[in-house]
Structure formats: structure tokens, C-alpha cells
Amino acid sequence: MGSRLNPYLSFRGDARAAMEFYRDVFGGELQLMTFGEMGGAEPALAEQIMHGLLRTDRGYVIMGSDAPPGMELHPGDNVSLILNGDNADELTRCFGRLSEGGSVSVALEKQMWGDVYGACVDRFGTHWMVNISQSWD
């Protein structure tokens, strides 16, 4: 599969509505996974979106999720770029380089959903996520 770069949008409780709206605008197939489906979520988060993926017939890919309580979210900076793929060596190298001189908010390590994931802000203020997976490309 290689790697792919696309936007990742964060929402405060309305990710489902937003992702369904984008599907209506762009068409395509929408996959949504809730916090509750992953287990262990507090009741207030159970129906919120942990990960959404829209793939259109034109090749557009938009990902998004609800920000959990305590995660800062400000209109205008609720967009991250996500590197997603199955090349662990390449994506690990990219994460290391992107985080140099910046800050790591989530260490690049195996997560509860089974993928290796990390998040950082580079030295220029750009938000990045790296996900090493074969299931959500």
C-alpha cells in the first residue's frame, strides 16, 4: 500500500454529523467507529466518533473524530495532517523527523485499537498524526 497523506479533522461532539455532511457533498463510502465500540469508554463518549473515514470515488480521503474531553480544540487549528500506511520504517522515520524541535503529544506506540500511532506538532506549528496500519488506509 505504501503511505498516504490526507487531512484529519477534529470536532467537539459533532463528528458524525460533519462526516455525514461531507459524504453528502462529495459522495463515497463512510466508515465510522465509536469510542463505545472500542470498549472502556465513559458513557458520555460511547456514541462519539473515535475515527471516521470517508473515501470518495474521486480519490478524496477525509478522516475525522470527536476530540475527547480535556483535549484542547480551537476553531481554525482543528486540522491535522495524517501520514497513514503500512511501511513502519518509513513512517517511524517521518515521525522522528517531524517531531525534531517540536513537541510530541502522543508517543509513537501501539494503541488500544491495534495500530501504532503517534501525534506531534512540528517546529513550525503544524499538527501531525502518524498511523501505521493495514486496516485503516
Protein backbone atom coordinates (compact mmCIF):
# COMPACT_ATOMS: atom_id res chain seq x y z
CA MET A 1 0.00 0.00 0.00
CA GLY A 2 2.78 2.49 0.75
CA SER A 3 1.84 5.70 2.54
CA ARG A 4 -0.79 8.37 2.08
CA LEU A 5 -1.09 11.97 3.30
CA ASN A 6 -4.53 13.46 3.96
CA PRO A 7 -6.35 15.86 6.31
CA TYR A 8 -7.66 14.77 9.71
CA LEU A 9 -10.39 16.96 11.20
CA SER A 10 -11.25 17.23 14.90
CA PHE A 11 -14.71 18.08 16.21
CA ARG A 12 -16.31 18.76 19.58
CA GLY A 13 -19.11 16.19 19.64
CA ASP A 14 -20.44 16.61 16.10
CA ALA A 15 -18.02 14.48 14.07
CA ARG A 16 -20.81 12.12 12.96
CA ALA A 17 -22.89 14.98 11.56
CA ALA A 18 -19.86 16.59 9.91
CA MET A 19 -18.60 13.38 8.29
CA GLU A 20 -22.12 12.54 7.06
CA PHE A 21 -22.35 16.06 5.62
CA TYR A 22 -19.03 15.61 3.77
CA ARG A 23 -20.31 12.28 2.40
CA ASP A 24 -23.41 14.09 1.13
CA VAL A 25 -21.24 16.74 -0.51
CA PHE A 26 -18.53 14.52 -2.01
CA GLY A 27 -20.23 11.10 -2.19
CA GLY A 28 -18.34 7.95 -1.38
CA GLU A 29 -18.17 5.39 1.40
CA LEU A 30 -18.15 6.48 5.05
CA GLN A 31 -16.88 4.30 7.89
CA LEU A 32 -17.44 5.40 11.48
CA MET A 33 -16.08 3.81 14.67
CA THR A 34 -17.34 5.00 18.07
CA PHE A 35 -15.45 5.15 21.35
CA GLY A 36 -18.01 2.68 22.73
CA GLU A 37 -17.25 0.13 20.03
CA MET A 38 -13.62 0.13 21.17
CA GLY A 39 -14.64 -0.60 24.77
CA GLY A 40 -13.91 1.10 28.04
CA ALA A 41 -15.37 4.46 27.04
CA GLU A 42 -17.18 6.51 29.64
CA PRO A 43 -20.93 6.72 28.86
CA ALA A 44 -20.73 10.35 27.67
CA LEU A 45 -18.23 9.32 24.95
CA ALA A 46 -19.71 5.97 23.92
CA GLU A 47 -21.57 7.26 20.84
CA GLN A 48 -18.99 9.85 19.82
CA ILE A 49 -16.72 9.14 16.88
CA MET A 50 -13.25 7.81 17.67
CA HIS A 51 -12.37 7.53 13.98
CA GLY A 52 -14.21 8.34 10.77
CA LEU A 53 -13.01 7.68 7.23
CA LEU A 54 -14.59 8.96 4.03
CA ARG A 55 -13.32 7.68 0.69
CA THR A 56 -14.81 9.18 -2.44
CA ASP A 57 -14.97 7.91 -5.98
CA ARG A 58 -12.72 10.84 -6.97
CA GLY A 59 -9.98 9.61 -4.65
CA TYR A 60 -10.52 12.14 -1.86
CA VAL A 61 -9.87 10.85 1.65
CA ILE A 62 -11.08 12.77 4.70
CA MET A 63 -10.62 11.48 8.24
CA GLY A 64 -12.09 12.89 11.42
CA SER A 65 -13.04 12.28 15.05
CA ASP A 66 -14.53 13.84 18.14
CA ALA A 67 -11.96 15.31 20.49
CA PRO A 68 -12.25 13.70 23.92
CA PRO A 69 -12.85 15.90 26.97
CA GLY A 70 -9.67 17.61 28.10
CA MET A 71 -8.18 17.81 24.61
CA GLU A 72 -7.83 21.41 23.53
CA LEU A 73 -9.70 22.28 20.37
CA HIS A 74 -9.89 25.73 18.84
CA PRO A 75 -11.67 26.62 15.60
CA GLY A 76 -9.02 27.12 12.96
CA ASP A 77 -6.47 24.70 14.40
CA ASN A 78 -8.70 21.64 14.37
CA VAL A 79 -6.97 20.22 11.28
CA SER A 80 -4.02 17.84 11.35
CA LEU A 81 -2.18 16.11 8.57
CA ILE A 82 -2.06 12.33 8.93
CA LEU A 83 0.51 10.02 7.41
CA ASN A 84 -1.10 6.63 7.20
CA GLY A 85 0.28 3.41 5.80
CA ASP A 86 1.95 0.09 6.39
CA ASN A 87 5.63 1.00 5.92
CA ALA A 88 6.66 1.06 9.59
CA ASP A 89 10.29 2.01 8.95
CA GLU A 90 9.44 4.96 6.71
CA LEU A 91 6.60 6.26 8.89
CA THR A 92 8.66 5.90 12.08
CA ARG A 93 11.46 7.89 10.41
CA CYS A 94 8.99 10.59 9.35
CA PHE A 95 7.54 10.84 12.87
CA GLY A 96 11.02 11.25 14.32
CA ARG A 97 11.93 13.98 11.86
CA LEU A 98 8.60 15.81 12.19
CA SER A 99 8.89 15.90 15.99
CA GLU A 100 12.50 17.25 15.99
CA GLY A 101 12.38 20.73 17.50
CA GLY A 102 8.63 20.38 18.07
CA SER A 103 6.58 18.55 20.68
CA VAL A 104 5.17 15.04 20.93
CA SER A 105 1.64 14.83 22.35
CA VAL A 106 1.22 11.05 21.81
CA ALA A 107 4.27 8.79 21.67
CA LEU A 108 4.51 6.60 18.56
CA GLU A 109 3.47 3.25 20.03
CA LYS A 110 0.83 0.52 19.77
CA GLN A 111 -2.62 1.81 20.68
CA MET A 112 -5.78 0.15 22.02
CA TRP A 113 -7.20 -0.23 18.50
CA GLY A 114 -4.16 -2.24 17.44
CA ASP A 115 -2.31 0.25 15.24
CA VAL A 116 0.93 2.04 16.01
CA TYR A 117 0.05 5.73 16.33
CA GLY A 118 1.66 8.97 17.43
CA ALA A 119 0.92 12.69 17.30
CA CYS A 120 3.19 15.72 17.33
CA VAL A 121 3.41 19.39 16.46
CA ASP A 122 6.39 20.26 14.29
CA ARG A 123 8.64 23.25 14.94
CA PHE A 124 6.51 25.33 12.55
CA GLY A 125 3.27 24.67 14.46
CA THR A 126 1.77 22.10 12.07
CA HIS A 127 -0.14 19.26 13.75
CA TRP A 128 0.78 15.76 12.54
CA MET A 129 -0.51 12.28 13.20
CA VAL A 130 1.23 9.08 12.08
CA ASN A 131 -0.68 5.80 11.93
CA ILE A 132 1.00 2.53 10.98
CA SER A 133 -1.73 0.10 9.97
CA GLN A 134 -3.10 -2.18 7.32
CA SER A 135 -6.73 -1.89 8.44
CA TRP A 136 -7.44 1.87 8.04
CA ASP A 137 -5.64 3.06 4.96
